[in-house]
Structures are given as structure tokens and as C-alpha cells.
Amino acid sequence: MLTATAAPTLAAGLDGFRLILHVLAATVWVGGQFTVAGLLPTVRGLGADAPKQVARALAWLLWPAYAVLVVTGFWNIAAVDAGHASSTWNVVLGIKIGVVVIAGVGVFLHQRATSRAGLAVWGAVGALASVAALCLGVFLAG
């Protein structure tokens, strides 16, 4: 059962803009990974080099989104009243930052993998860490 502790409010102009940028970037970063994973069987049918071409094209979208996530993530942290953040919130934030780093490293290593096993392992690490970061962000947002 959900209980409300405070009446919902609308985000102020700049806060709303910051959150929109962060959510949009997360949509591109996480959604892009899952979209290409879902399309991969079809892409493989287009030719041996097609998956690499699609991955390179996707990287042009994913990495700027990751950069926006990092920048707006720090902006989100700066916007929090540190005096009112609970110790649990701070622990979850620390875990999220670590998971965001793991997601970036996982995707980076996936892009550079040369074996099928490396592609699979690093792709899974990147995708799972990306989803974990998204979920932790929802908890942090309240």
C-alpha cells in the first residue's frame, strides 16, 4: 500500500528542465541498449558487418546521452539539500554512482570486445548496470 508523506508538487522551471534532461538521457542510454538488443537478430540478417555498423551508429547517440546523464546527475546532487538527506539516501546515492561507472565501463568494453563471449558478458554488464542505475535513480527521486 502506498502512503503519501507530502502533497505532490510541480518542479520549478529550472528543476523541471534538469529532470527532463536527465530522464530523456536515461531513456536514450537504457532504451537504446535494449532496442538494439531486440533488433540484433534482424540486423544480423542484413550482413556480417551490419551489427558493427549499427553499434557504431548507436554509439553516436548513447555516449552523448551518458555524458548528459553524468552532468545532470551531478546537477541533481547539487540541487539536494544535503542537510535533509538521510544516511540511507546517501548510501543509495553512493551505490548509484558506482553502478553508473560500471554501466559506462561495461558498455565501453562491450564496444571493444572482439570475441562473442566478451560481447555477451560486457553487453550484459552494461545493460544490467544501466537498468540498476535507472531503478536507483527512481528511489532517490522519491
Protein backbone atom coordinates (compact mmCIF):
# COMPACT_ATOMS: atom_id res chain seq x y z
CA MET A 1 0.00 0.00 0.00
CA LEU A 2 1.36 3.40 -0.95
CA THR A 3 1.14 6.21 1.53
CA ALA A 4 1.88 9.82 0.77
CA THR A 5 4.06 11.74 3.18
CA ALA A 6 3.65 15.09 1.47
CA ALA A 7 1.39 16.61 -1.12
CA PRO A 8 2.85 16.28 -4.62
CA THR A 9 4.23 19.44 -6.11
CA LEU A 10 5.35 20.51 -9.54
CA ALA A 11 9.04 21.01 -10.24
CA ALA A 12 10.11 24.62 -10.62
CA GLY A 13 11.27 25.77 -14.08
CA LEU A 14 14.99 25.04 -13.84
CA ASP A 15 14.47 21.94 -11.69
CA GLY A 16 11.97 20.62 -14.22
CA PHE A 17 14.37 21.31 -17.09
CA ARG A 18 17.20 19.48 -15.26
CA LEU A 19 14.98 16.48 -14.56
CA ILE A 20 13.65 16.38 -18.12
CA LEU A 21 17.21 16.34 -19.47
CA HIS A 22 18.19 13.58 -17.06
CA VAL A 23 15.16 11.40 -17.84
CA LEU A 24 15.49 11.96 -21.59
CA ALA A 25 19.17 10.99 -21.48
CA ALA A 26 18.32 7.89 -19.43
CA THR A 27 15.67 6.98 -21.99
CA VAL A 28 18.23 7.15 -24.80
CA TRP A 29 21.00 5.37 -22.83
CA VAL A 30 18.94 2.50 -21.41
CA GLY A 31 16.29 2.31 -24.12
CA GLY A 32 18.90 2.41 -26.88
CA GLN A 33 20.69 -0.60 -25.45
CA PHE A 34 17.51 -2.66 -25.24
CA THR A 35 16.25 -1.53 -28.62
CA VAL A 36 19.43 -2.62 -30.38
CA ALA A 37 19.45 -5.90 -28.44
CA GLY A 38 15.91 -6.57 -29.66
CA LEU A 39 16.81 -5.69 -33.24
CA LEU A 40 20.05 -7.69 -33.29
CA PRO A 41 18.59 -10.90 -34.80
CA THR A 42 17.20 -8.88 -37.72
CA VAL A 43 20.36 -6.80 -38.06
CA ARG A 44 22.50 -9.95 -38.28
CA GLY A 45 20.43 -10.99 -41.31
CA LEU A 46 21.49 -7.83 -43.13
CA GLY A 47 25.11 -8.91 -43.39
CA ALA A 48 28.15 -9.90 -41.38
CA ASP A 49 29.26 -6.30 -40.78
CA ALA A 50 25.76 -4.91 -40.09
CA PRO A 51 25.84 -5.37 -36.27
CA LYS A 52 29.11 -3.41 -36.06
CA GLN A 53 27.73 -0.65 -38.27
CA VAL A 54 24.58 -0.37 -36.17
CA ALA A 55 26.63 -0.36 -32.97
CA ARG A 56 28.85 2.45 -34.27
CA ALA A 57 25.81 4.48 -35.27
CA LEU A 58 24.18 3.87 -31.89
CA ALA A 59 27.33 4.98 -30.08
CA TRP A 60 26.82 8.46 -31.58
CA LEU A 61 23.57 8.62 -29.59
CA LEU A 62 24.48 6.66 -26.48
CA TRP A 63 27.69 8.37 -25.41
CA PRO A 64 26.33 11.93 -25.55
CA ALA A 65 23.32 10.67 -23.55
CA TYR A 66 25.70 9.13 -20.99
CA ALA A 67 27.56 12.45 -20.74
CA VAL A 68 24.27 14.29 -20.20
CA LEU A 69 23.36 11.73 -17.52
CA VAL A 70 26.61 12.32 -15.67
CA VAL A 71 26.37 16.12 -15.89
CA THR A 72 22.71 16.27 -14.89
CA GLY A 73 23.35 13.64 -12.22
CA PHE A 74 25.89 15.90 -10.53
CA TRP A 75 23.48 18.80 -11.05
CA ASN A 76 20.78 16.74 -9.33
CA ILE A 77 23.10 16.09 -6.39
CA ALA A 78 23.96 19.79 -6.13
CA ALA A 79 20.24 20.61 -6.05
CA VAL A 80 19.61 18.40 -3.00
CA ASP A 81 19.55 19.99 0.43
CA ALA A 82 22.37 17.91 1.95
CA GLY A 83 21.25 18.81 5.45
CA HIS A 84 17.96 16.97 4.91
CA ALA A 85 19.29 13.90 3.07
CA SER A 86 19.10 10.75 5.17
CA SER A 87 22.06 8.46 5.61
CA THR A 88 20.16 5.79 3.66
CA TRP A 89 19.65 8.22 0.78
CA ASN A 90 23.38 8.99 0.79
CA VAL A 91 24.26 5.27 0.75
CA VAL A 92 21.91 4.66 -2.20
CA LEU A 93 23.43 7.67 -3.98
CA GLY A 94 26.93 6.24 -3.50
CA ILE A 95 25.82 2.87 -4.83
CA LYS A 96 24.15 4.56 -7.81
CA ILE A 97 27.31 6.47 -8.68
CA GLY A 98 29.27 3.21 -8.61
CA VAL A 99 26.67 1.46 -10.76
CA VAL A 100 26.73 4.34 -13.29
CA VAL A 101 30.50 3.92 -13.58
CA ILE A 102 30.10 0.15 -14.03
CA ALA A 103 27.47 0.76 -16.74
CA GLY A 104 29.78 3.08 -18.67
CA VAL A 105 32.76 0.75 -18.34
CA GLY A 106 30.63 -2.26 -19.33
CA VAL A 107 29.35 -0.58 -22.49
CA PHE A 108 32.82 0.75 -23.32
CA LEU A 109 34.33 -2.75 -23.00
CA HIS A 110 31.43 -4.25 -24.96
CA GLN A 111 32.23 -1.90 -27.84
CA ARG A 112 35.85 -3.03 -27.83
CA ALA A 113 35.25 -6.75 -27.33
CA THR A 114 36.42 -9.00 -30.13
CA SER A 115 35.01 -12.35 -29.00
CA ARG A 116 31.39 -13.42 -28.78
CA ALA A 117 31.86 -14.15 -25.09
CA GLY A 118 33.30 -10.68 -24.48
CA LEU A 119 30.45 -9.06 -26.39
CA ALA A 120 27.89 -11.04 -24.37
CA VAL A 121 29.46 -10.53 -20.95
CA TRP A 122 30.23 -6.82 -21.30
CA GLY A 123 26.91 -6.15 -23.02
CA ALA A 124 25.10 -7.81 -20.12
CA VAL A 125 27.16 -5.92 -17.55
CA GLY A 126 26.47 -2.60 -19.28
CA ALA A 127 22.75 -3.24 -19.72
CA LEU A 128 22.12 -4.62 -16.23
CA ALA A 129 24.10 -1.84 -14.57
CA SER A 130 22.22 0.72 -16.66
CA VAL A 131 18.86 -0.66 -15.50
CA ALA A 132 20.11 -0.79 -11.91
CA ALA A 133 21.18 2.87 -12.12
CA LEU A 134 17.78 3.80 -13.52
CA CYS A 135 15.98 1.98 -10.68
CA LEU A 136 18.21 3.53 -8.02
CA GLY A 137 17.52 6.95 -9.55
CA VAL A 138 13.79 6.39 -9.15
CA PHE A 139 14.28 5.59 -5.46
CA LEU A 140 16.49 8.64 -4.98
CA ALA A 141 13.92 10.90 -6.64
CA GLY A 142 11.40 9.90 -4.02
